[in-house]
Structures are given as C-alpha cells and as structure tokens.
Protein backbone atom coordinates (compact mmCIF):
# COMPACT_ATOMS: atom_id res chain seq x y z
CA MET A 1 73.13 56.99 -44.04
CA ASP A 2 74.98 56.78 -40.65
CA PRO A 3 76.60 53.48 -40.77
CA GLY A 4 76.01 53.20 -36.69
CA LEU A 5 72.76 53.03 -37.04
CA LEU A 6 73.03 50.49 -40.15
CA ARG A 7 74.94 48.32 -37.22
CA ASP A 8 72.12 48.56 -34.90
CA ASP A 9 69.50 47.79 -37.04
CA LEU A 10 71.66 44.48 -38.41
CA ALA A 11 72.52 43.78 -34.34
CA ALA A 12 68.55 43.77 -34.08
CA LEU A 13 69.03 40.50 -36.49
CA TYR A 14 72.39 39.33 -36.27
CA PRO A 15 73.95 40.01 -32.52
CA GLN A 16 77.54 39.89 -33.52
CA PHE A 17 76.82 42.73 -35.10
CA GLY A 18 76.56 44.93 -31.62
CA VAL A 19 80.13 44.06 -30.69
CA THR A 20 82.83 46.36 -30.82
CA VAL A 21 86.71 46.37 -30.21
CA ALA A 22 88.68 49.86 -29.22
CA HIS A 23 92.26 50.71 -29.06
CA ALA A 24 94.31 54.10 -28.72
CA GLY A 25 92.27 55.05 -31.97
CA LEU A 26 92.12 51.80 -33.50
CA VAL A 27 88.12 50.40 -33.65
CA LEU A 28 87.25 47.43 -34.73
CA ALA A 29 83.63 47.43 -35.78
CA PRO A 30 81.18 45.14 -37.36
CA PRO A 31 80.88 46.33 -41.33
CA THR A 32 78.06 47.66 -42.74
CA ASP A 33 77.70 47.73 -46.83
CA VAL A 34 78.89 50.93 -46.21
CA GLU A 35 82.16 49.86 -44.99
CA LEU A 36 82.23 46.77 -47.14
CA LEU A 37 82.11 48.87 -50.14
CA GLU A 38 85.14 50.62 -48.95
CA LEU A 39 86.69 47.73 -48.36
CA ALA A 40 85.77 46.21 -51.54
CA ALA A 41 87.21 49.49 -53.55
CA ILE A 42 90.90 48.19 -51.53
CA VAL A 43 90.69 44.94 -52.71
CA ALA A 44 89.51 45.77 -56.64
CA GLU A 45 92.56 47.89 -56.68
CA PRO A 46 95.74 46.03 -57.97
CA GLY A 47 97.98 45.89 -55.22
CA GLY A 48 95.70 46.98 -52.85
CA ILE A 49 96.54 44.15 -50.20
CA VAL A 50 99.32 42.44 -51.56
CA GLU A 51 102.34 43.29 -54.64
CA PRO A 52 100.07 43.02 -57.82
CA GLY A 53 99.70 39.18 -59.12
CA ARG A 54 100.76 37.64 -56.10
CA GLU A 55 97.06 37.40 -54.64
CA THR A 56 97.05 33.82 -55.08
CA GLU A 57 100.68 33.06 -54.19
CA LEU A 58 100.22 34.97 -50.52
CA LEU A 59 96.29 35.25 -50.26
CA GLY A 60 94.99 32.42 -51.75
CA TRP A 61 92.74 34.69 -53.40
CA PRO A 62 92.41 34.87 -57.56
CA ALA A 63 94.78 36.88 -59.14
CA ASP A 64 92.06 39.35 -60.49
CA SER A 65 90.90 42.94 -59.63
CA GLY A 66 88.49 45.26 -60.31
CA ASP A 67 84.54 44.55 -60.38
CA ALA A 68 85.22 40.69 -60.42
CA ALA A 69 87.12 41.50 -57.55
CA ALA A 70 85.02 43.54 -55.70
CA ARG A 71 81.65 41.09 -56.59
CA ARG A 72 83.63 38.21 -54.93
CA PHE A 73 84.55 39.94 -51.96
CA LEU A 74 81.27 41.58 -50.96
CA GLU A 75 79.26 38.02 -52.19
CA TRP A 76 81.75 36.26 -49.63
CA SER A 77 81.46 38.98 -46.76
CA TRP A 78 77.64 38.81 -47.05
CA ARG A 79 77.38 35.19 -46.76
CA LEU A 80 78.96 35.84 -42.80
CA ARG A 81 76.13 37.35 -41.91
CA GLU A 82 74.53 34.37 -40.09
CA VAL A 83 72.64 33.91 -37.14
CA PRO A 84 75.10 32.57 -34.21
CA THR A 85 74.56 29.69 -32.18
CA ALA A 86 76.88 27.65 -30.21
CA GLY A 87 78.02 25.21 -32.30
CA ARG A 88 79.09 27.69 -35.09
CA TRP A 89 79.37 31.43 -35.55
CA ARG A 90 80.87 34.12 -37.51
CA MET A 91 82.01 37.87 -36.37
CA PRO A 92 83.43 40.28 -39.19
CA LEU A 93 85.05 43.23 -37.73
CA ALA A 94 86.14 46.28 -40.03
CA VAL A 95 89.09 47.67 -39.07
CA LEU A 96 88.62 51.49 -38.53
CA GLU A 97 91.21 54.16 -38.32
CA GLY A 98 89.98 58.02 -38.16
CA GLY A 99 86.79 57.63 -39.88
CA ARG A 100 89.10 55.49 -42.24
CA THR A 101 87.90 51.42 -43.08
CA ILE A 102 91.29 50.03 -43.86
CA GLY A 103 90.93 46.29 -43.29
CA LEU A 104 89.55 43.58 -42.09
CA VAL A 105 89.40 40.83 -39.24
CA VAL A 106 87.24 37.55 -38.69
CA LEU A 107 86.89 35.62 -35.47
CA ALA A 108 85.01 32.29 -36.18
CA HIS A 109 84.19 28.73 -34.52
CA GLU A 110 83.37 26.37 -36.96
CA ILE A 111 81.71 23.35 -36.23
CA ASP A 112 84.75 21.37 -36.46
CA HIS A 113 86.73 23.14 -34.10
CA PRO A 114 87.07 21.57 -30.36
CA ALA A 115 84.95 23.34 -27.90
CA GLY A 116 87.49 26.60 -27.10
CA THR A 117 89.19 27.30 -29.98
CA VAL A 118 88.51 29.98 -32.29
CA HIS A 119 89.49 30.96 -35.97
CA THR A 120 91.44 34.22 -36.91
CA SER A 121 92.61 36.21 -40.07
CA SER A 122 92.91 39.59 -41.08
CA TRP A 123 94.29 41.71 -43.71
CA LEU A 124 94.65 45.28 -43.86
CA ALA A 125 95.21 47.55 -47.16
CA ARG A 126 98.94 47.82 -48.42
CA ALA A 127 99.09 51.45 -47.71
CA GLU A 128 98.46 50.64 -44.28
CA GLN A 129 101.32 48.41 -43.71
CA GLY A 130 104.32 48.72 -41.89
CA ARG A 131 103.13 50.95 -39.64
CA GLY A 132 102.35 48.25 -36.65
CA LEU A 133 98.95 48.11 -37.13
CA GLY A 134 99.02 44.57 -38.28
CA ARG A 135 99.99 43.45 -34.48
CA ARG A 136 97.87 45.65 -32.78
CA VAL A 137 94.74 44.46 -34.75
CA ARG A 138 95.46 40.90 -34.07
CA LEU A 139 95.76 41.52 -30.12
CA MET A 140 92.75 43.53 -29.93
CA LEU A 141 91.10 40.36 -31.32
CA LEU A 142 92.72 38.22 -28.99
CA GLU A 143 91.60 40.28 -26.20
CA LEU A 144 88.12 39.60 -27.62
CA ALA A 145 88.31 36.10 -28.27
CA PHE A 146 90.58 34.94 -24.77
CA ASP A 147 89.30 37.67 -21.92
CA HIS A 148 85.46 38.13 -22.90
CA LEU A 149 84.58 34.76 -25.18
CA GLY A 150 86.87 32.25 -22.86
CA ALA A 151 88.56 30.74 -26.16
CA VAL A 152 91.36 28.94 -24.73
CA ARG A 153 93.26 28.61 -28.14
CA ALA A 154 93.05 30.43 -31.29
CA VAL A 155 94.38 29.24 -34.81
CA THR A 156 95.09 31.05 -38.31
CA GLY A 157 97.08 30.41 -41.38
CA ALA A 158 98.61 31.58 -44.07
CA ALA A 159 100.55 31.02 -47.23
CA ALA A 160 103.88 29.72 -47.38
CA GLY A 161 105.26 32.68 -48.98
CA ASN A 162 103.95 35.18 -46.73
CA ALA A 163 106.53 35.84 -44.42
CA ALA A 164 104.63 39.14 -43.57
CA SER A 165 102.00 37.43 -41.59
CA LEU A 166 103.93 34.59 -40.55
CA ARG A 167 106.17 37.12 -39.12
CA VAL A 168 103.12 38.94 -36.95
CA SER A 169 101.86 35.54 -35.89
CA THR A 170 105.30 34.48 -34.57
CA ARG A 171 105.97 37.54 -32.18
CA LEU A 172 102.40 37.42 -30.80
CA GLY A 173 103.22 33.53 -30.17
CA TYR A 174 101.05 31.56 -32.56
CA ARG A 175 103.32 28.38 -33.09
CA GLU A 176 103.24 26.09 -36.34
CA THR A 177 100.76 23.35 -35.95
CA HIS A 178 101.28 21.92 -39.44
CA ARG A 179 101.16 22.63 -43.38
CA ALA A 180 98.84 21.73 -46.08
CA THR A 181 98.63 21.85 -49.55
CA GLY A 182 95.22 23.93 -51.03
CA GLY A 183 93.16 22.87 -54.31
CA ASP A 184 94.82 26.08 -55.49
CA HIS A 185 98.22 24.44 -55.14
CA VAL A 186 99.24 26.68 -52.16
CA VAL A 187 100.99 25.61 -49.42
CA LYS A 188 99.06 26.88 -45.69
CA VAL A 189 101.13 27.07 -42.59
CA HIS A 190 98.31 27.02 -40.17
CA LEU A 191 99.67 27.82 -36.41
CA ALA A 192 98.19 28.04 -32.98
CA VAL A 193 98.39 30.50 -29.76
CA THR A 194 97.07 29.85 -26.56
CA ALA A 195 95.94 32.34 -24.05
CA GLY A 196 99.01 31.73 -21.80
CA ALA A 197 101.33 32.99 -24.66
CA TRP A 198 98.97 36.12 -25.65
CA ARG A 199 98.94 36.60 -22.12
CA ARG A 200 102.52 37.67 -22.03
CA ARG A 201 101.92 39.94 -25.34
CA ARG A 202 98.64 41.37 -24.03
CA LEU A 203 97.80 45.01 -24.66
CA PRO A 204 96.71 47.26 -21.97
CA ASP A 205 93.46 49.27 -22.37
CA VAL A 206 91.63 47.54 -24.53
CA VAL A 207 87.60 48.13 -24.59
CA VAL A 208 85.24 45.54 -25.74
CA GLU A 209 81.55 46.50 -25.50
CA GLY A 210 78.35 45.10 -26.64
CA LEU A 211 78.55 41.40 -26.42
CA GLU A 212 75.73 40.44 -24.15
CA SER A 213 73.55 39.84 -26.93
CA PHE A 214 75.93 37.52 -28.87
CA LEU A 215 76.80 35.78 -25.97
CA ALA A 216 73.17 34.92 -24.94
CA ALA A 217 73.37 33.53 -28.54
CA ILE A 218 76.51 31.14 -28.29
CA ARG A 219 75.46 30.13 -24.50
CA PRO A 220 71.87 29.67 -24.40
CA GLY A 221 70.63 28.52 -21.37
C-alpha cells in the first residue's frame, strides 16, 4: 500500500500527519506503519543506532534487541498518535532519503512547557551517521518549529556520554541549561536554543507543507 495514501487517512484523524518538511532530497514525513516497521527493524538490530550494548548509556533505552526491542519501539510510537490540542501535541516524523526510512524525529509541546517552547528529539540509523544528516534534520525540524509554528525556544536532551549528539546540538546553537539523573541512573544533559540563535544557522530552501489543519487544531478560534 502507498504510504502517502496511508498518511492521508491518518491525517484525517490526526492533523499532524499531514505535515511534511523537505530539503535537498531529505524529507521528514509522519510515519505510517510501513515506515514504523522499517524503523523497528533498525531498533531491533544490535548496534542499529549506537554501539552494541550502549543503548542504555547513550539513549536511555533498555539494552535489548530483536523482537522485544521492536515491540517496545512500535508501542511507544503508536502512543504518539493522539489528537493535538493547544496544551499538548506530539509530531513524529520519519527521516526519508531516496525512498529509505533512516531515522525518526519528534517535535512536541507538553502541558508543562511554557508557551512558545517545544521539545525536539531525533535519531538516525548508525549506518547513516557521519554524513552530516543529523545536523540537517535538526535544522529542518527547527525551521518548522520557529518559522512556521511560532516557537521562541526549543529544548532537547542527551545522555552525558553521548558526545556525538551533544556536539550536534552545540553546533546548532543549543546551550546547556542543567543536568539530571534519571531512573536508569543515566545523567542527562538538558539544552535549549532560541529562535535568534537558530536563525544564524538556518538552512536555505526548506519546504514545509500541510500545516493548515494542524494549526487549526492547536490554535482554536
């Protein structure tokens, strides 16, 4: 089945599934089950995202693989399918390159976030890392957040040992705000970037489409 048609069906129920972001052959599109199964295969592969055995240390995920990891990922992803409101919304976007699904990003606004604040998270398949895609994907996501959704601040987080992720964030203008130790005993570094800091690093020619229904849902009246 055509994932585009599935996305249209999902967008009728969840307006965030109508949004896409594109830049120079890279596309961020809401994942249907077609893309989720492809992503689940990456998650299930030992070392699919980070070095084998370092999932908890670097991602905060259980260090499992195979069917258990795939199920955990799918169940988490399906929970992101909820009707957006002004107070809370989640927008998952699969990273697509040349027809391949190679990663996932999530843009979200939570109930406890101040007005104008969004949270970003992202990962790419380990085989696709080191090509500069992580930086581009993050900038595409910030284009959506700051220029099209009117955010003034974006926050993110990464395990203290995840030097690659923290390096990308720093290069994009994120600055550390604080650190906290989670229930998994992993120290997480929290960072934030403002619209002004992002604008100095902005990518040209990012195309954002399909926002109308989503904006109507999060800005009623």
